[in-house]
Amino acid sequence: MANNTISLRSLLEKEKLNGINFHDWFRNLRIVLKQERKEYVIEEAVPNNPGPNAPRADKDKFKKLKGGVSKYGKCFHCGKTGHWKRNCPIYLEDVKKAKAVGASVSGTAHEKDSS
C-alpha cells in the first residue's frame, strides 16, 4: 500500500495547481486522499477544541481531525488498532509487572511468545 500511496502522490507532483487546472488538480487530490483514507480533510470543517466536559465522541473526532490516533493504525506492542503502544493496556500491565520485579520492558508481545 505504501507504493500505491507514493505513486498516487506523484499525480499531485506532476499536476501542480496553476489556476487554470483546478478541476483536474482537485480530482487528483480527492483520489490521493481517498486512498490514504483522509478524504474527511476536504469534506468536514475542523471543529473547535472541545472543552473538558465535552462528550467523548466530540473529543475523538477532534483528535482524529487534528492528527491523533488513527483508527486504521496498529499498536506496535499488541497489534490491535485504535491505540498507540504508550496507551496499550497489555504494555502498561507488562511495565507495571516489570517495575515490581525490577526489570525493563522493551519487546513486543510476539517477541515474548517466541522466547
C-alpha atoms as a PDB file:
ATOM      1  CA  MET A   1       0.000   0.000   0.000  1.00  0.00           C
ATOM      2  CA  ALA A   2       2.942   2.345   0.585  1.00  0.00           C
ATOM      3  CA  ASN A   3       3.968   2.080  -3.080  1.00  0.00           C
ATOM      4  CA  ASN A   4       0.394   2.861  -4.148  1.00  0.00           C
ATOM      5  CA  THR A   5       0.396   5.957  -1.979  1.00  0.00           C
ATOM      6  CA  ILE A   6       3.740   7.130  -3.358  1.00  0.00           C
ATOM      7  CA  SER A   7       2.666   6.627  -6.969  1.00  0.00           C
ATOM      8  CA  LEU A   8      -0.669   8.359  -6.365  1.00  0.00           C
ATOM      9  CA  ARG A   9       1.056  11.271  -4.673  1.00  0.00           C
ATOM     10  CA  SER A  10       3.132  11.677  -7.802  1.00  0.00           C
ATOM     11  CA  LEU A  11      -0.131  12.720  -9.506  1.00  0.00           C
ATOM     12  CA  LEU A  12      -0.109  15.821  -7.369  1.00  0.00           C
ATOM     13  CA  GLU A  13       3.576  16.443  -8.038  1.00  0.00           C
ATOM     14  CA  LYS A  14       3.105  16.238 -11.814  1.00  0.00           C
ATOM     15  CA  GLU A  15      -0.081  18.298 -11.932  1.00  0.00           C
ATOM     16  CA  LYS A  16       0.594  21.252  -9.658  1.00  0.00           C
ATOM     17  CA  LEU A  17      -2.225  23.739  -9.186  1.00  0.00           C
ATOM     18  CA  ASN A  18      -1.650  26.671 -11.510  1.00  0.00           C
ATOM     19  CA  GLY A  19      -5.027  28.426 -11.565  1.00  0.00           C
ATOM     20  CA  ILE A  20      -6.437  27.058 -14.801  1.00  0.00           C
ATOM     21  CA  ASN A  21      -6.368  23.368 -13.896  1.00  0.00           C
ATOM     22  CA  PHE A  22      -8.288  23.488 -10.613  1.00  0.00           C
ATOM     23  CA  HIS A  23     -10.831  20.783 -11.511  1.00  0.00           C
ATOM     24  CA  ASP A  24      -8.177  18.289 -12.628  1.00  0.00           C
ATOM     25  CA  TRP A  25      -5.976  19.063  -9.616  1.00  0.00           C
ATOM     26  CA  PHE A  26      -8.898  18.758  -7.183  1.00  0.00           C
ATOM     27  CA  ARG A  27      -9.949  15.421  -8.724  1.00  0.00           C
ATOM     28  CA  ASN A  28      -6.385  14.113  -8.245  1.00  0.00           C
ATOM     29  CA  LEU A  29      -6.322  15.421  -4.684  1.00  0.00           C
ATOM     30  CA  ARG A  30      -9.552  13.555  -3.876  1.00  0.00           C
ATOM     31  CA  ILE A  31      -8.095  10.339  -5.367  1.00  0.00           C
ATOM     32  CA  VAL A  32      -4.978  10.578  -3.213  1.00  0.00           C
ATOM     33  CA  LEU A  33      -6.888  11.478  -0.047  1.00  0.00           C
ATOM     34  CA  LYS A  34      -9.379   8.670  -0.597  1.00  0.00           C
ATOM     35  CA  GLN A  35      -6.530   6.161  -0.979  1.00  0.00           C
ATOM     36  CA  GLU A  36      -4.978   7.408   2.263  1.00  0.00           C
ATOM     37  CA  ARG A  37      -8.401   7.410   3.989  1.00  0.00           C
ATOM     38  CA  LYS A  38      -8.114  11.123   4.685  1.00  0.00           C
ATOM     39  CA  GLU A  39     -10.881  12.390   2.455  1.00  0.00           C
ATOM     40  CA  TYR A  40     -12.588  13.894   5.514  1.00  0.00           C
ATOM     41  CA  VAL A  41      -9.968  16.657   5.409  1.00  0.00           C
ATOM     42  CA  ILE A  42     -11.718  18.345   2.492  1.00  0.00           C
ATOM     43  CA  GLU A  43     -15.257  17.305   3.384  1.00  0.00           C
ATOM     44  CA  GLU A  44     -15.550  18.406   7.018  1.00  0.00           C
ATOM     45  CA  ALA A  45     -14.689  21.610   8.810  1.00  0.00           C
ATOM     46  CA  VAL A  46     -12.252  21.259  11.696  1.00  0.00           C
ATOM     47  CA  PRO A  47     -14.321  21.576  14.869  1.00  0.00           C
ATOM     48  CA  ASN A  48     -13.408  23.877  17.728  1.00  0.00           C
ATOM     49  CA  ASN A  49     -11.343  22.374  20.511  1.00  0.00           C
ATOM     50  CA  PRO A  50     -13.881  20.593  22.741  1.00  0.00           C
ATOM     51  CA  GLY A  51     -13.924  21.565  26.368  1.00  0.00           C
ATOM     52  CA  PRO A  52     -13.074  19.214  29.224  1.00  0.00           C
ATOM     53  CA  ASN A  53     -16.773  18.372  29.750  1.00  0.00           C
ATOM     54  CA  ALA A  54     -17.458  17.607  26.064  1.00  0.00           C
ATOM     55  CA  PRO A  55     -18.761  14.161  25.095  1.00  0.00           C
ATOM     56  CA  ARG A  56     -16.150  11.510  24.277  1.00  0.00           C
ATOM     57  CA  ALA A  57     -17.319  11.356  20.630  1.00  0.00           C
ATOM     58  CA  ASP A  58     -16.571  15.070  20.146  1.00  0.00           C
ATOM     59  CA  LYS A  59     -13.112  14.703  21.692  1.00  0.00           C
ATOM     60  CA  ASP A  60     -12.342  11.685  19.485  1.00  0.00           C
ATOM     61  CA  LYS A  61     -13.499  13.474  16.335  1.00  0.00           C
ATOM     62  CA  PHE A  62     -11.333  16.483  17.172  1.00  0.00           C
ATOM     63  CA  LYS A  63      -8.314  14.258  17.871  1.00  0.00           C
ATOM     64  CA  LYS A  64      -8.787  12.446  14.539  1.00  0.00           C
ATOM     65  CA  LEU A  65      -9.058  15.666  12.548  1.00  0.00           C
ATOM     66  CA  LYS A  66      -6.030  17.136  14.299  1.00  0.00           C
ATOM     67  CA  GLY A  67      -3.932  14.056  13.510  1.00  0.00           C
ATOM     68  CA  GLY A  68      -4.341  11.972  16.645  1.00  0.00           C
ATOM     69  CA  VAL A  69      -4.551   8.195  16.827  1.00  0.00           C
ATOM     70  CA  SER A  70      -5.740   6.707  13.596  1.00  0.00           C
ATOM     71  CA  LYS A  71      -8.466   4.126  13.784  1.00  0.00           C
ATOM     72  CA  TYR A  72      -6.619   2.313  10.989  1.00  0.00           C
ATOM     73  CA  GLY A  73      -3.202   2.255  12.663  1.00  0.00           C
ATOM     74  CA  LYS A  74      -1.931  -0.627  14.768  1.00  0.00           C
ATOM     75  CA  CYS A  75      -0.294  -0.699  18.173  1.00  0.00           C
ATOM     76  CA  PHE A  76       3.374  -1.677  17.894  1.00  0.00           C
ATOM     77  CA  HIS A  77       3.054  -3.819  21.018  1.00  0.00           C
ATOM     78  CA  CYS A  78      -0.131  -5.889  20.692  1.00  0.00           C
ATOM     79  CA  GLY A  79      -1.032  -5.272  17.037  1.00  0.00           C
ATOM     80  CA  LYS A  80      -4.584  -4.091  17.767  1.00  0.00           C
ATOM     81  CA  THR A  81      -5.965  -0.937  16.158  1.00  0.00           C
ATOM     82  CA  GLY A  82      -7.083   2.239  17.905  1.00  0.00           C
ATOM     83  CA  HIS A  83      -4.259   2.998  20.316  1.00  0.00           C
ATOM     84  CA  TRP A  84      -0.514   3.537  20.453  1.00  0.00           C
ATOM     85  CA  LYS A  85       1.992   1.449  22.378  1.00  0.00           C
ATOM     86  CA  ARG A  86       2.240   4.017  25.167  1.00  0.00           C
ATOM     87  CA  ASN A  87      -1.524   3.591  25.787  1.00  0.00           C
ATOM     88  CA  CYS A  88      -1.650  -0.178  25.207  1.00  0.00           C
ATOM     89  CA  PRO A  89      -3.287  -1.902  28.198  1.00  0.00           C
ATOM     90  CA  ILE A  90      -1.152  -5.018  27.679  1.00  0.00           C
ATOM     91  CA  TYR A  91       2.072  -2.989  27.507  1.00  0.00           C
ATOM     92  CA  LEU A  92       1.136  -0.936  30.557  1.00  0.00           C
ATOM     93  CA  GLU A  93       0.412  -4.125  32.500  1.00  0.00           C
ATOM     94  CA  ASP A  94       3.797  -5.556  31.438  1.00  0.00           C
ATOM     95  CA  VAL A  95       5.529  -2.354  32.551  1.00  0.00           C
ATOM     96  CA  LYS A  96       3.741  -2.487  35.888  1.00  0.00           C
ATOM     97  CA  LYS A  97       4.818  -6.106  36.408  1.00  0.00           C
ATOM     98  CA  ALA A  98       8.392  -5.354  35.326  1.00  0.00           C
ATOM     99  CA  LYS A  99       8.662  -2.461  37.772  1.00  0.00           C
ATOM    100  CA  ALA A 100       7.510  -4.749  40.552  1.00  0.00           C
ATOM    101  CA  VAL A 101      10.269  -7.234  39.633  1.00  0.00           C
ATOM    102  CA  GLY A 102      12.860  -4.573  38.782  1.00  0.00           C
ATOM    103  CA  ALA A 103      13.245  -5.456  35.071  1.00  0.00           C
ATOM    104  CA  SER A 104      12.632  -3.366  31.962  1.00  0.00           C
ATOM    105  CA  VAL A 105      10.139  -3.956  29.155  1.00  0.00           C
ATOM    106  CA  SER A 106      11.043  -3.129  25.577  1.00  0.00           C
ATOM    107  CA  GLY A 107       9.974  -6.026  23.334  1.00  0.00           C
ATOM    108  CA  THR A 108       6.662  -6.741  21.753  1.00  0.00           C
ATOM    109  CA  ALA A 109       4.163  -9.381  22.784  1.00  0.00           C
ATOM    110  CA  HIS A 110       5.230 -11.529  19.809  1.00  0.00           C
ATOM    111  CA  GLU A 111       8.878 -11.497  20.840  1.00  0.00           C
ATOM    112  CA  LYS A 112       7.969 -12.640  24.345  1.00  0.00           C
ATOM    113  CA  ASP A 113       5.883 -15.532  22.997  1.00  0.00           C
ATOM    114  CA  SER A 114       8.727 -16.857  20.849  1.00  0.00           C
ATOM    115  CA  SER A 115      11.342 -16.838  23.631  1.00  0.00           C
END
